[in-house]
Protein backbone atom coordinates (compact mmCIF):
# COMPACT_ATOMS: atom_id res chain seq x y z
CA ALA A 1 156.51 58.00 88.12
CA ASP A 2 153.18 59.95 88.29
CA TYR A 3 150.08 57.82 87.63
CA LYS A 4 146.85 59.50 85.91
CA ARG A 5 143.71 59.03 88.21
CA THR A 6 140.96 57.25 86.00
CA THR A 7 137.23 56.12 86.33
CA VAL A 8 135.58 53.45 85.26
CA ALA A 9 133.46 54.59 82.27
CA SER A 10 129.44 55.22 82.19
CA TYR A 11 127.64 52.55 81.04
CA THR A 12 124.01 52.77 79.57
CA PRO A 13 121.92 50.32 77.57
CA ALA A 14 123.69 51.45 74.54
CA THR A 15 126.88 50.06 75.92
CA LEU A 16 125.35 47.43 78.56
CA THR A 17 123.73 45.74 75.57
CA THR A 18 122.45 42.39 77.41
CA THR A 19 120.77 44.68 80.37
CA PRO A 20 117.23 44.49 79.70
CA ALA A 21 115.51 47.65 78.42
CA THR A 22 112.54 46.32 80.07
CA VAL A 23 111.10 43.68 82.63
CA ALA A 24 107.66 42.40 82.50
CA ALA A 25 105.15 43.20 84.58
CA SER A 26 105.22 40.76 87.94
CA GLY A 27 108.27 39.43 86.09
CA THR A 28 112.07 38.28 86.46
CA ASP A 29 114.33 38.34 83.87
CA THR A 30 117.10 35.65 84.66
CA SER A 31 118.60 35.75 80.95
CA SER A 32 120.21 39.29 81.03
CA SER A 33 123.32 40.14 82.97
CA GLU A 34 126.19 42.46 82.39
CA ILE A 35 129.80 41.96 83.30
CA VAL A 36 131.79 45.32 84.91
CA ASP A 37 135.83 45.37 85.15
CA VAL A 38 136.21 47.39 88.37
CA THR A 39 139.43 45.92 89.20
CA ARG A 40 141.30 49.52 89.31
CA HIS A 41 138.98 50.75 92.11
CA SER A 42 138.29 49.62 95.68
CA VAL A 43 135.07 52.02 95.58
CA ILE A 44 132.54 52.60 93.05
CA GLY A 45 129.37 54.60 92.54
CA ILE A 46 126.47 52.91 90.90
CA GLN A 47 122.97 54.36 89.76
CA VAL A 48 120.38 52.58 88.41
CA SER A 49 116.83 54.59 86.94
CA GLY A 50 113.83 53.43 85.28
CA LEU A 51 109.98 53.97 85.05
CA LEU A 52 106.85 51.86 84.96
CA THR A 53 104.77 51.97 81.75
CA ALA A 54 101.55 52.76 83.79
CA THR A 55 100.73 53.68 87.30
CA ASN A 56 100.75 50.88 89.70
CA PRO A 57 98.13 50.27 92.52
CA ALA A 58 100.76 49.54 94.74
CA ALA A 59 104.38 50.26 95.96
CA ALA A 60 106.46 48.50 93.32
CA THR A 61 110.23 47.96 92.86
CA LEU A 62 112.86 46.57 90.64
CA THR A 63 115.58 44.44 92.12
CA ILE A 64 119.10 44.21 90.60
CA PRO A 65 121.25 41.44 92.07
CA VAL A 66 125.08 42.56 92.10
CA TYR A 67 127.39 39.25 92.30
CA PRO A 68 131.49 39.43 92.47
CA SER A 69 134.06 37.39 90.72
CA ILE A 70 137.87 37.56 90.81
CA ASP A 71 138.37 36.28 87.72
CA GLY A 72 135.34 37.68 85.59
CA THR A 73 134.50 33.99 84.78
CA THR A 74 133.37 32.56 87.88
CA PHE A 75 130.97 34.45 90.03
CA ASP A 76 129.55 33.75 93.28
CA SER A 77 126.34 32.07 93.76
CA SER A 78 124.78 34.71 96.10
CA PRO A 79 124.69 38.37 95.41
CA ILE A 80 126.85 40.61 97.61
CA THR A 81 124.47 43.04 97.50
CA SER A 82 121.15 44.18 95.39
CA LEU A 83 120.29 47.42 93.81
CA ILE A 84 116.67 48.35 94.70
CA LEU A 85 114.68 51.00 92.75
CA THR A 86 111.40 52.11 94.03
CA PHE A 87 108.79 53.23 91.54
CA THR A 88 105.98 56.02 92.27
CA GLY A 89 103.35 55.94 89.41
CA THR A 90 105.02 56.37 85.68
CA GLN A 91 107.34 59.00 87.49
CA ALA A 92 110.86 58.21 86.09
CA LYS A 93 112.90 57.29 89.31
CA ALA A 94 116.64 57.02 89.96
CA TRP A 95 118.54 55.58 92.70
CA SER A 96 122.18 56.01 93.66
CA THR A 97 124.90 54.23 96.42
CA ASN A 98 128.56 53.66 96.54
CA LEU A 99 129.85 50.25 96.83
CA ASN A 100 133.20 49.16 98.67
CA LYS A 101 133.75 46.21 96.27
CA GLY A 102 136.85 44.96 98.29
CA ALA A 103 139.49 42.68 96.17
CA PHE A 104 136.73 41.61 93.78
CA GLY A 105 137.74 42.73 90.24
CA TYR A 106 134.62 42.16 88.51
CA LEU A 107 130.70 42.72 89.05
CA ARG A 108 127.87 41.09 87.28
CA PHE A 109 124.54 43.23 87.34
CA GLY A 110 121.79 40.66 87.17
CA GLY A 111 121.87 36.81 85.69
CA GLY A 112 121.57 34.33 88.92
CA SER A 113 118.55 34.99 90.60
CA GLY A 114 117.44 37.58 87.98
CA ILE A 115 116.08 41.04 87.66
CA VAL A 116 112.99 41.08 89.53
CA ASN A 117 110.01 43.65 88.77
CA SER A 118 107.64 43.51 91.81
CA GLY A 119 105.29 45.90 90.02
CA THR A 120 102.00 44.92 88.04
CA ASN A 121 103.12 47.06 85.01
CA VAL A 122 106.07 46.83 82.60
CA ALA A 123 109.21 48.46 83.84
CA THR A 124 111.13 50.34 81.03
CA ASN A 125 114.04 52.47 80.20
CA ILE A 126 116.44 50.83 82.75
CA VAL A 127 119.81 52.09 82.91
CA ILE A 128 122.59 51.00 85.13
CA LYS A 129 125.63 53.56 85.37
CA VAL A 130 129.08 52.86 87.24
CA VAL A 131 131.77 55.15 87.68
CA GLY A 132 134.87 54.71 89.51
CA GLY A 133 136.79 56.01 92.79
CA MET A 134 140.13 56.94 93.02
CA PRO A 135 142.49 53.91 91.56
CA TRP A 136 143.78 52.03 94.23
CA ALA A 137 147.62 52.97 93.21
CA LEU A 138 148.62 56.26 94.87
CA THR A 139 149.70 59.36 92.63
CA TYR A 140 153.62 58.89 94.22
CA PRO A 141 153.83 55.00 94.58
CA TYR A 142 156.71 53.83 96.95
CA GLY A 143 156.41 56.96 99.56
CA GLY A 144 157.08 59.72 96.88
CA PRO A 145 158.60 60.75 93.62
C-alpha cells in the first residue's frame, strides 16, 4: 500500500489557545503551555516569533522550554531544548530550528520552568508554529509494493 505523506498543522495563538499572546516585562509565565502531537514525525520544524512593545535598553530574549513525553500526559521535568528569540527594539523577530525529537510522541511548549521574557518591556504577538518532516512510514513499507 502507498501511504500519503503528511505534515503536522501550523499552529498559531488561534489554535494554541494556552500559548500566551504576551509575557510581562521581566516576567515568567508558568501557567501557559501547549501540547503538540508529533507521533508521526521524527524531525519537526519549529518557528517562534514576537516583538517587544517598546525599545528595550539592553539585549532581550524570550525563552520557551520544550518538554518531551511518550504518552502526552506525563512530561519530563527538564526540557530537552529551549526556543530562544532575541529581540531588537520593537521590530518583529522570528527564529526557526529543526528538532530531531527521537521516539517521543508529544512535546509541550512552555509550562514547567515557564516562558521567560528577559526584556524590561512586554513581549507580545507571540506565535509558535510547528511543521512535521516526512513521516516515519516509508512510501512502500517492507521493501516495495
